[in-house]
C-alpha atoms as a PDB file:
ATOM      1  CA  MET A   1    -133.150  -3.397 -43.871  1.00  0.00           C
ATOM      2  CA  THR A   2    -136.935  -3.279 -44.318  1.00  0.00           C
ATOM      3  CA  PHE A   3    -138.206  -1.588 -47.478  1.00  0.00           C
ATOM      4  CA  HIS A   4    -141.505   0.243 -47.676  1.00  0.00           C
ATOM      5  CA  LYS A   5    -142.453  -1.376 -51.018  1.00  0.00           C
ATOM      6  CA  HIS A   6    -141.223  -3.992 -53.477  1.00  0.00           C
ATOM      7  CA  ILE A   7    -141.870  -2.820 -57.043  1.00  0.00           C
ATOM      8  CA  THR A   8    -141.882  -5.539 -59.681  1.00  0.00           C
ATOM      9  CA  SER A   9    -143.701  -3.928 -62.612  1.00  0.00           C
ATOM     10  CA  ALA A  10    -142.687  -1.137 -64.984  1.00  0.00           C
ATOM     11  CA  ALA A  11    -146.391  -0.261 -65.159  1.00  0.00           C
ATOM     12  CA  ASN A  12    -146.183   0.957 -61.567  1.00  0.00           C
ATOM     13  CA  ASP A  13    -147.182   4.640 -61.440  1.00  0.00           C
ATOM     14  CA  GLU A  14    -144.040   5.648 -59.536  1.00  0.00           C
ATOM     15  CA  MET A  15    -141.843   3.954 -62.131  1.00  0.00           C
ATOM     16  CA  LYS A  16    -143.661   5.612 -65.021  1.00  0.00           C
ATOM     17  CA  GLN A  17    -143.236   8.985 -63.324  1.00  0.00           C
ATOM     18  CA  LEU A  18    -139.560   8.265 -62.623  1.00  0.00           C
ATOM     19  CA  ALA A  19    -138.990   7.428 -66.292  1.00  0.00           C
ATOM     20  CA  ARG A  20    -140.613  10.725 -67.340  1.00  0.00           C
ATOM     21  CA  LEU A  21    -138.429  12.653 -64.916  1.00  0.00           C
ATOM     22  CA  LEU A  22    -135.234  11.052 -66.197  1.00  0.00           C
ATOM     23  CA  GLU A  23    -136.180  11.793 -69.810  1.00  0.00           C
ATOM     24  CA  ASN A  24    -137.676  15.264 -69.600  1.00  0.00           C
ATOM     25  CA  ALA A  25    -136.082  18.453 -68.244  1.00  0.00           C
ATOM     26  CA  ARG A  26    -139.384  20.330 -68.406  1.00  0.00           C
ATOM     27  CA  GLU A  27    -141.047  17.658 -66.268  1.00  0.00           C
ATOM     28  CA  ARG A  28    -138.233  17.847 -63.701  1.00  0.00           C
ATOM     29  CA  ARG A  29    -138.585  21.620 -63.477  1.00  0.00           C
ATOM     30  CA  LYS A  30    -142.370  21.395 -63.275  1.00  0.00           C
ATOM     31  CA  GLN A  31    -142.180  18.915 -60.420  1.00  0.00           C
ATOM     32  CA  GLY A  32    -139.248  20.740 -58.806  1.00  0.00           C
ATOM     33  CA  VAL A  33    -137.175  17.573 -58.473  1.00  0.00           C
ATOM     34  CA  VAL A  34    -133.766  16.074 -59.187  1.00  0.00           C
ATOM     35  CA  VAL A  35    -133.084  12.391 -59.938  1.00  0.00           C
ATOM     36  CA  LEU A  36    -129.708  11.037 -58.802  1.00  0.00           C
ATOM     37  CA  GLU A  37    -128.322   7.845 -60.326  1.00  0.00           C
ATOM     38  CA  GLY A  38    -125.893   5.714 -58.341  1.00  0.00           C
ATOM     39  CA  ILE A  39    -124.336   5.338 -54.912  1.00  0.00           C
ATOM     40  CA  HIS A  40    -121.782   8.137 -55.315  1.00  0.00           C
ATOM     41  CA  LEU A  41    -124.401  10.834 -55.947  1.00  0.00           C
ATOM     42  CA  LEU A  42    -126.552   9.624 -53.054  1.00  0.00           C
ATOM     43  CA  GLN A  43    -123.495   9.714 -50.795  1.00  0.00           C
ATOM     44  CA  ALA A  44    -122.592  13.255 -51.919  1.00  0.00           C
ATOM     45  CA  ALA A  45    -126.178  14.459 -51.473  1.00  0.00           C
ATOM     46  CA  LEU A  46    -126.415  13.097 -47.943  1.00  0.00           C
ATOM     47  CA  ALA A  47    -122.996  14.575 -47.074  1.00  0.00           C
ATOM     48  CA  ALA A  48    -124.270  17.982 -48.190  1.00  0.00           C
ATOM     49  CA  GLY A  49    -127.394  17.667 -46.057  1.00  0.00           C
ATOM     50  CA  TRP A  50    -129.908  16.900 -48.793  1.00  0.00           C
ATOM     51  CA  GLN A  51    -132.869  14.788 -47.678  1.00  0.00           C
ATOM     52  CA  PRO A  52    -134.139  12.253 -50.249  1.00  0.00           C
ATOM     53  CA  HIS A  53    -137.818  12.386 -51.123  1.00  0.00           C
ATOM     54  CA  ALA A  54    -137.740   8.776 -52.371  1.00  0.00           C
ATOM     55  CA  VAL A  55    -135.049   6.126 -52.823  1.00  0.00           C
ATOM     56  CA  TYR A  56    -135.405   3.250 -55.309  1.00  0.00           C
ATOM     57  CA  VAL A  57    -132.953   0.420 -54.616  1.00  0.00           C
ATOM     58  CA  ASN A  58    -131.984  -2.121 -57.255  1.00  0.00           C
ATOM     59  CA  GLU A  59    -132.724  -5.456 -55.584  1.00  0.00           C
ATOM     60  CA  GLN A  60    -129.464  -6.860 -56.984  1.00  0.00           C
ATOM     61  CA  ALA A  61    -127.557  -4.281 -54.894  1.00  0.00           C
ATOM     62  CA  ALA A  62    -129.730  -4.447 -51.777  1.00  0.00           C
ATOM     63  CA  GLY A  63    -127.099  -6.366 -49.820  1.00  0.00           C
ATOM     64  CA  LYS A  64    -124.180  -4.009 -50.566  1.00  0.00           C
ATOM     65  CA  ALA A  65    -122.645  -2.806 -47.319  1.00  0.00           C
ATOM     66  CA  GLU A  66    -121.769   0.614 -48.780  1.00  0.00           C
ATOM     67  CA  LEU A  67    -125.352   1.189 -49.878  1.00  0.00           C
ATOM     68  CA  LEU A  68    -126.875  -0.098 -46.657  1.00  0.00           C
ATOM     69  CA  SER A  69    -124.735   2.270 -44.599  1.00  0.00           C
ATOM     70  CA  LEU A  70    -126.099   5.197 -46.623  1.00  0.00           C
ATOM     71  CA  LEU A  71    -129.690   3.994 -46.386  1.00  0.00           C
ATOM     72  CA  ALA A  72    -129.348   3.912 -42.603  1.00  0.00           C
ATOM     73  CA  ALA A  73    -129.476   7.724 -42.739  1.00  0.00           C
ATOM     74  CA  VAL A  74    -132.721   7.728 -44.758  1.00  0.00           C
ATOM     75  CA  ASP A  75    -136.272   7.300 -43.467  1.00  0.00           C
ATOM     76  CA  SER A  76    -137.117   3.672 -44.366  1.00  0.00           C
ATOM     77  CA  ARG A  77    -140.630   4.763 -45.399  1.00  0.00           C
ATOM     78  CA  ARG A  78    -139.005   6.511 -48.362  1.00  0.00           C
ATOM     79  CA  CYS A  79    -137.058   3.433 -49.515  1.00  0.00           C
ATOM     80  CA  GLN A  80    -138.470   1.123 -52.173  1.00  0.00           C
ATOM     81  CA  LEU A  81    -136.963  -2.113 -53.491  1.00  0.00           C
ATOM     82  CA  VAL A  82    -137.186  -2.431 -57.286  1.00  0.00           C
ATOM     83  CA  THR A  83    -136.291  -5.315 -59.579  1.00  0.00           C
ATOM     84  CA  ALA A  84    -133.320  -4.793 -61.893  1.00  0.00           C
ATOM     85  CA  ALA A  85    -135.534  -5.487 -64.916  1.00  0.00           C
ATOM     86  CA  VAL A  86    -137.898  -2.656 -63.981  1.00  0.00           C
ATOM     87  CA  LEU A  87    -135.078  -0.182 -63.339  1.00  0.00           C
ATOM     88  CA  GLY A  88    -133.583  -1.194 -66.694  1.00  0.00           C
ATOM     89  CA  LYS A  89    -136.754   0.059 -68.384  1.00  0.00           C
ATOM     90  CA  VAL A  90    -136.739   3.299 -66.429  1.00  0.00           C
ATOM     91  CA  THR A  91    -133.140   4.432 -66.983  1.00  0.00           C
ATOM     92  CA  ALA A  92    -131.256   5.194 -70.197  1.00  0.00           C
ATOM     93  CA  LEU A  93    -128.119   3.553 -68.805  1.00  0.00           C
ATOM     94  CA  SER A  94    -127.101   0.223 -70.346  1.00  0.00           C
ATOM     95  CA  THR A  95    -126.870  -1.224 -66.822  1.00  0.00           C
ATOM     96  CA  PRO A  96    -129.218   0.208 -64.183  1.00  0.00           C
ATOM     97  CA  SER A  97    -127.606   1.862 -61.172  1.00  0.00           C
ATOM     98  CA  GLU A  98    -127.623   0.351 -57.707  1.00  0.00           C
ATOM     99  CA  VAL A  99    -129.950   3.120 -56.564  1.00  0.00           C
ATOM    100  CA  LEU A 100    -132.027   6.013 -57.916  1.00  0.00           C
ATOM    101  CA  THR A 101    -132.757   8.881 -55.534  1.00  0.00           C
ATOM    102  CA  LEU A 102    -135.442  11.525 -55.924  1.00  0.00           C
ATOM    103  CA  CYS A 103    -134.697  14.880 -54.229  1.00  0.00           C
ATOM    104  CA  MET A 104    -136.374  18.271 -54.294  1.00  0.00           C
ATOM    105  CA  ARG A 105    -134.692  20.819 -56.532  1.00  0.00           C
ATOM    106  CA  PRO A 106    -132.793  23.275 -54.310  1.00  0.00           C
ATOM    107  CA  GLU A 107    -133.369  27.023 -54.197  1.00  0.00           C
ATOM    108  CA  PRO A 108    -130.193  29.101 -54.519  1.00  0.00           C
ATOM    109  CA  ARG A 109    -128.936  30.999 -51.480  1.00  0.00           C
ATOM    110  CA  ALA A 110    -127.923  34.654 -51.428  1.00  0.00           C
ATOM    111  CA  VAL A 111    -124.499  35.282 -52.934  1.00  0.00           C
ATOM    112  CA  ALA A 112    -121.781  35.466 -50.293  1.00  0.00           C
ATOM    113  CA  ALA A 113    -120.092  38.879 -50.005  1.00  0.00           C
ATOM    114  CA  GLY A 114    -116.789  39.019 -51.835  1.00  0.00           C
ATOM    115  CA  ALA A 115    -117.330  35.669 -53.583  1.00  0.00           C
ATOM    116  CA  ALA A 116    -115.924  34.829 -56.990  1.00  0.00           C
ATOM    117  CA  CYS A 117    -118.259  33.229 -59.511  1.00  0.00           C
ATOM    118  CA  VAL A 118    -118.565  31.365 -62.788  1.00  0.00           C
ATOM    119  CA  MET A 119    -121.096  32.590 -65.352  1.00  0.00           C
ATOM    120  CA  LEU A 120    -122.015  30.326 -68.258  1.00  0.00           C
ATOM    121  CA  ASP A 121    -123.618  31.683 -71.405  1.00  0.00           C
ATOM    122  CA  ASP A 122    -125.616  28.990 -73.266  1.00  0.00           C
ATOM    123  CA  VAL A 123    -123.285  26.048 -72.535  1.00  0.00           C
ATOM    124  CA  GLN A 124    -125.099  23.166 -74.208  1.00  0.00           C
ATOM    125  CA  ASP A 125    -123.021  20.039 -73.773  1.00  0.00           C
ATOM    126  CA  PRO A 126    -123.875  18.108 -70.575  1.00  0.00           C
ATOM    127  CA  GLY A 127    -120.326  16.782 -70.235  1.00  0.00           C
ATOM    128  CA  ASN A 128    -118.875  20.270 -70.503  1.00  0.00           C
ATOM    129  CA  LEU A 129    -121.298  21.712 -67.962  1.00  0.00           C
ATOM    130  CA  GLY A 130    -120.725  18.890 -65.472  1.00  0.00           C
ATOM    131  CA  THR A 131    -116.962  19.187 -65.846  1.00  0.00           C
ATOM    132  CA  ILE A 132    -117.062  22.958 -65.278  1.00  0.00           C
ATOM    133  CA  LEU A 133    -119.132  22.458 -62.118  1.00  0.00           C
ATOM    134  CA  ARG A 134    -116.678  19.849 -60.874  1.00  0.00           C
ATOM    135  CA  CYS A 135    -113.796  22.213 -61.575  1.00  0.00           C
ATOM    136  CA  ALA A 136    -115.547  25.134 -59.833  1.00  0.00           C
ATOM    137  CA  ALA A 137    -116.163  23.041 -56.727  1.00  0.00           C
ATOM    138  CA  ALA A 138    -112.552  21.850 -56.684  1.00  0.00           C
ATOM    139  CA  ALA A 139    -111.292  25.427 -57.070  1.00  0.00           C
ATOM    140  CA  ASN A 140    -113.638  26.630 -54.283  1.00  0.00           C
ATOM    141  CA  VAL A 141    -115.582  28.962 -56.579  1.00  0.00           C
ATOM    142  CA  ARG A 142    -119.055  28.182 -55.325  1.00  0.00           C
ATOM    143  CA  GLU A 143    -121.290  30.706 -57.081  1.00  0.00           C
ATOM    144  CA  VAL A 144    -122.454  29.564 -60.531  1.00  0.00           C
ATOM    145  CA  PHE A 145    -124.849  31.489 -62.786  1.00  0.00           C
ATOM    146  CA  LEU A 146    -126.403  29.822 -65.829  1.00  0.00           C
ATOM    147  CA  SER A 147    -128.123  31.603 -68.698  1.00  0.00           C
ATOM    148  CA  ARG A 148    -131.566  30.502 -69.834  1.00  0.00           C
ATOM    149  CA  GLY A 149    -129.990  28.776 -72.836  1.00  0.00           C
ATOM    150  CA  CYS A 150    -127.811  26.381 -70.839  1.00  0.00           C
ATOM    151  CA  VAL A 151    -128.565  22.666 -70.772  1.00  0.00           C
ATOM    152  CA  ASP A 152    -130.509  21.574 -67.673  1.00  0.00           C
ATOM    153  CA  VAL A 153    -127.959  21.606 -64.867  1.00  0.00           C
ATOM    154  CA  TYR A 154    -129.766  18.758 -63.102  1.00  0.00           C
ATOM    155  CA  SER A 155    -130.019  16.455 -66.111  1.00  0.00           C
ATOM    156  CA  PRO A 156    -128.729  12.904 -65.480  1.00  0.00           C
ATOM    157  CA  LYS A 157    -125.744  13.422 -67.794  1.00  0.00           C
ATOM    158  CA  VAL A 158    -124.703  16.691 -66.128  1.00  0.00           C
ATOM    159  CA  LEU A 159    -125.081  15.143 -62.677  1.00  0.00           C
ATOM    160  CA  ARG A 160    -122.896  12.180 -63.658  1.00  0.00           C
ATOM    161  CA  ALA A 161    -120.227  14.457 -65.147  1.00  0.00           C
ATOM    162  CA  GLY A 162    -120.338  16.707 -62.078  1.00  0.00           C
ATOM    163  CA  MET A 163    -119.483  13.775 -59.790  1.00  0.00           C
ATOM    164  CA  GLY A 164    -121.230  15.334 -56.781  1.00  0.00           C
ATOM    165  CA  ALA A 165    -120.087  18.927 -57.354  1.00  0.00           C
ATOM    166  CA  HIS A 166    -123.696  20.170 -57.544  1.00  0.00           C
ATOM    167  CA  PHE A 167    -124.229  19.637 -53.828  1.00  0.00           C
ATOM    168  CA  PHE A 168    -121.432  22.010 -52.825  1.00  0.00           C
ATOM    169  CA  LEU A 169    -122.223  24.860 -55.215  1.00  0.00           C
ATOM    170  CA  ASN A 170    -124.758  27.681 -55.132  1.00  0.00           C
ATOM    171  CA  ILE A 171    -126.358  27.286 -58.559  1.00  0.00           C
ATOM    172  CA  HIS A 172    -128.484  30.086 -60.034  1.00  0.00           C
ATOM    173  CA  GLU A 173    -130.470  28.834 -63.032  1.00  0.00           C
ATOM    174  CA  ALA A 174    -132.147  30.636 -65.952  1.00  0.00           C
ATOM    175  CA  GLN A 175    -130.414  33.951 -65.341  1.00  0.00           C
ATOM    176  CA  ASP A 176    -130.413  37.111 -67.445  1.00  0.00           C
ATOM    177  CA  LEU A 177    -126.609  37.146 -67.641  1.00  0.00           C
ATOM    178  CA  PRO A 178    -126.188  40.690 -69.024  1.00  0.00           C
ATOM    179  CA  ALA A 179    -128.245  42.010 -66.091  1.00  0.00           C
ATOM    180  CA  VAL A 180    -126.391  39.830 -63.570  1.00  0.00           C
ATOM    181  CA  LEU A 181    -123.048  40.992 -64.942  1.00  0.00           C
ATOM    182  CA  ALA A 182    -124.115  44.636 -64.924  1.00  0.00           C
ATOM    183  CA  ALA A 183    -124.890  44.335 -61.207  1.00  0.00           C
ATOM    184  CA  TRP A 184    -121.819  42.258 -60.307  1.00  0.00           C
ATOM    185  CA  PRO A 185    -119.727  44.186 -57.764  1.00  0.00           C
ATOM    186  CA  GLY A 186    -116.323  42.819 -58.755  1.00  0.00           C
ATOM    187  CA  ARG A 187    -114.272  42.419 -61.906  1.00  0.00           C
ATOM    188  CA  LYS A 188    -115.761  40.707 -64.956  1.00  0.00           C
ATOM    189  CA  LEU A 189    -113.440  38.599 -67.086  1.00  0.00           C
ATOM    190  CA  VAL A 190    -114.549  37.039 -70.367  1.00  0.00           C
ATOM    191  CA  THR A 191    -112.321  34.539 -72.136  1.00  0.00           C
ATOM    192  CA  HIS A 192    -112.003  35.557 -75.762  1.00  0.00           C
ATOM    193  CA  LEU A 193    -109.713  34.479 -78.606  1.00  0.00           C
ATOM    194  CA  GLU A 194    -109.105  38.151 -79.349  1.00  0.00           C
ATOM    195  CA  GLY A 195    -108.641  39.069 -75.711  1.00  0.00           C
ATOM    196  CA  SER A 196    -106.512  42.136 -75.157  1.00  0.00           C
ATOM    197  CA  VAL A 197    -104.632  40.769 -72.125  1.00  0.00           C
ATOM    198  CA  SER A 198    -103.157  37.441 -71.083  1.00  0.00           C
ATOM    199  CA  LEU A 199    -104.903  35.529 -68.312  1.00  0.00           C
ATOM    200  CA  TYR A 200    -101.553  35.129 -66.565  1.00  0.00           C
ATOM    201  CA  GLY A 201    -101.073  38.859 -66.193  1.00  0.00           C
ATOM    202  CA  GLU A 202    -104.379  39.428 -64.389  1.00  0.00           C
ATOM    203  CA  ASP A 203    -105.069  39.616 -60.656  1.00  0.00           C
ATOM    204  CA  LEU A 204    -107.713  36.924 -60.133  1.00  0.00           C
ATOM    205  CA  SER A 205    -108.272  37.428 -56.402  1.00  0.00           C
ATOM    206  CA  GLY A 206    -111.433  38.897 -54.911  1.00  0.00           C
ATOM    207  CA  ALA A 207    -114.949  38.967 -56.342  1.00  0.00           C
ATOM    208  CA  VAL A 208    -114.023  38.165 -59.917  1.00  0.00           C
ATOM    209  CA  ALA A 209    -116.610  36.813 -62.352  1.00  0.00           C
ATOM    210  CA  PHE A 210    -115.324  34.298 -64.904  1.00  0.00           C
ATOM    211  CA  VAL A 211    -117.566  34.227 -67.984  1.00  0.00           C
ATOM    212  CA  PHE A 212    -117.522  31.363 -70.486  1.00  0.00           C
ATOM    213  CA  GLY A 213    -119.630  30.981 -73.594  1.00  0.00           C
ATOM    214  CA  ASN A 214    -121.341  28.532 -75.885  1.00  0.00           C
ATOM    215  CA  GLU A 215    -119.260  25.743 -77.443  1.00  0.00           C
ATOM    216  CA  GLY A 216    -119.802  26.993 -80.996  1.00  0.00           C
ATOM    217  CA  SER A 217    -120.579  30.710 -80.851  1.00  0.00           C
ATOM    218  CA  GLY A 218    -118.823  31.731 -77.648  1.00  0.00           C
ATOM    219  CA  VAL A 219    -120.108  34.553 -75.450  1.00  0.00           C
ATOM    220  CA  SER A 220    -123.020  36.570 -76.822  1.00  0.00           C
ATOM    221  CA  ALA A 221    -122.541  40.212 -77.792  1.00  0.00           C
ATOM    222  CA  GLU A 222    -124.857  41.323 -74.969  1.00  0.00           C
ATOM    223  CA  VAL A 223    -122.807  39.476 -72.357  1.00  0.00           C
ATOM    224  CA  LEU A 224    -119.510  40.554 -73.911  1.00  0.00           C
ATOM    225  CA  ALA A 225    -120.581  44.194 -73.685  1.00  0.00           C
ATOM    226  CA  GLN A 226    -120.815  43.904 -69.880  1.00  0.00           C
ATOM    227  CA  ALA A 227    -117.272  42.554 -69.440  1.00  0.00           C
ATOM    228  CA  ASP A 228    -114.601  44.931 -68.248  1.00  0.00           C
ATOM    229  CA  THR A 229    -111.725  42.693 -69.374  1.00  0.00           C
ATOM    230  CA  ARG A 230    -111.319  40.303 -72.286  1.00  0.00           C
ATOM    231  CA  VAL A 231    -108.639  37.756 -71.509  1.00  0.00           C
ATOM    232  CA  ARG A 232    -106.915  35.245 -73.733  1.00  0.00           C
ATOM    233  CA  ILE A 233    -105.328  31.979 -72.685  1.00  0.00           C
ATOM    234  CA  PRO A 234    -101.916  31.888 -74.375  1.00  0.00           C
ATOM    235  CA  MET A 235    -101.675  28.952 -76.791  1.00  0.00           C
ATOM    236  CA  PRO A 236     -98.192  28.758 -78.307  1.00  0.00           C
ATOM    237  CA  GLY A 237     -98.984  25.444 -80.023  1.00  0.00           C
ATOM    238  CA  HIS A 238    -101.186  24.544 -82.953  1.00  0.00           C
ATOM    239  CA  ALA A 239    -104.831  24.835 -81.872  1.00  0.00           C
ATOM    240  CA  GLU A 240    -107.552  27.311 -82.768  1.00  0.00           C
ATOM    241  CA  SER A 241    -109.178  27.262 -79.346  1.00  0.00           C
ATOM    242  CA  LEU A 242    -109.748  25.281 -76.164  1.00  0.00           C
ATOM    243  CA  ASN A 243    -112.843  23.336 -75.238  1.00  0.00           C
ATOM    244  CA  VAL A 244    -114.943  25.477 -72.861  1.00  0.00           C
ATOM    245  CA  ALA A 245    -114.464  23.070 -69.950  1.00  0.00           C
ATOM    246  CA  MET A 246    -110.700  23.086 -70.506  1.00  0.00           C
ATOM    247  CA  ALA A 247    -110.663  26.893 -70.651  1.00  0.00           C
ATOM    248  CA  ALA A 248    -112.618  27.091 -67.398  1.00  0.00           C
ATOM    249  CA  THR A 249    -110.192  24.681 -65.742  1.00  0.00           C
ATOM    250  CA  VAL A 250    -107.169  26.745 -66.798  1.00  0.00           C
ATOM    251  CA  CYS A 251    -108.734  29.994 -65.543  1.00  0.00           C
ATOM    252  CA  LEU A 252    -110.035  28.707 -62.225  1.00  0.00           C
ATOM    253  CA  PHE A 253    -106.826  26.945 -61.313  1.00  0.00           C
ATOM    254  CA  GLU A 254    -104.741  29.963 -62.270  1.00  0.00           C
ATOM    255  CA  ARG A 255    -106.800  31.711 -59.594  1.00  0.00           C
ATOM    256  CA  VAL A 256    -105.992  28.889 -57.156  1.00  0.00           C
ATOM    257  CA  ARG A 257    -102.298  29.188 -58.026  1.00  0.00           C
ATOM    258  CA  GLN A 258    -102.352  32.929 -57.335  1.00  0.00           C
ATOM    259  CA  LEU A 259    -104.175  32.553 -54.040  1.00  0.00           C
ATOM    260  CA  GLU A 260    -101.942  29.691 -52.886  1.00  0.00           C
ATOM    261  CA  GLY A 261     -98.788  31.493 -53.982  1.00  0.00           C
END
């Protein structure tokens, strides 16, 4: 394959900009871009129809058949070859990825009629957020609403934890969740330790909204006030609560169980 450029210096303007984008959520939002690290995320993006704005290939991986087959679907004018040493200075990873891909940040589509959704109130841990997105995609719940206080959904850590889920979800960022919930046409379920009903006794079909809160403080009072049902996940063993990503997994796959049953 022929590459448009061969970048050998970390002082290169594109590399300095790439480093800023990887480090800074505000810069990513300002530029309206997403940075994908690794072959798997590039593969998932292409499968979902995303078109890379720029692709930076680690020269040590330039001969990999798997990578070359993906690059065949990309305009070669957007593909740059970069030394491993330079990429090592750009990324926070201990070993630089085979490829870094720059894409434009997507705009959310209109919510599909009758869709279920996940609403996240100030979820701060990137691993938790990425895991919840991965779970939502696996459970075929494609509408995701994030409050303004959530960690950047397109941060490198969230993208890695999501394992490609982002590309198959309709993600609505920086939402006023109380207002979104007030307008939601279906049922609104909030997981709560003092929930009045068990999750397993609820009908989870249809346009149900699953609401999950911050790791430490849970769902805010304003969001809680808009819920029509507070549900608890029965825990007969010795634990105060479940991690938010675990709670989301239990709820979403109870919905799958009901629909499949």
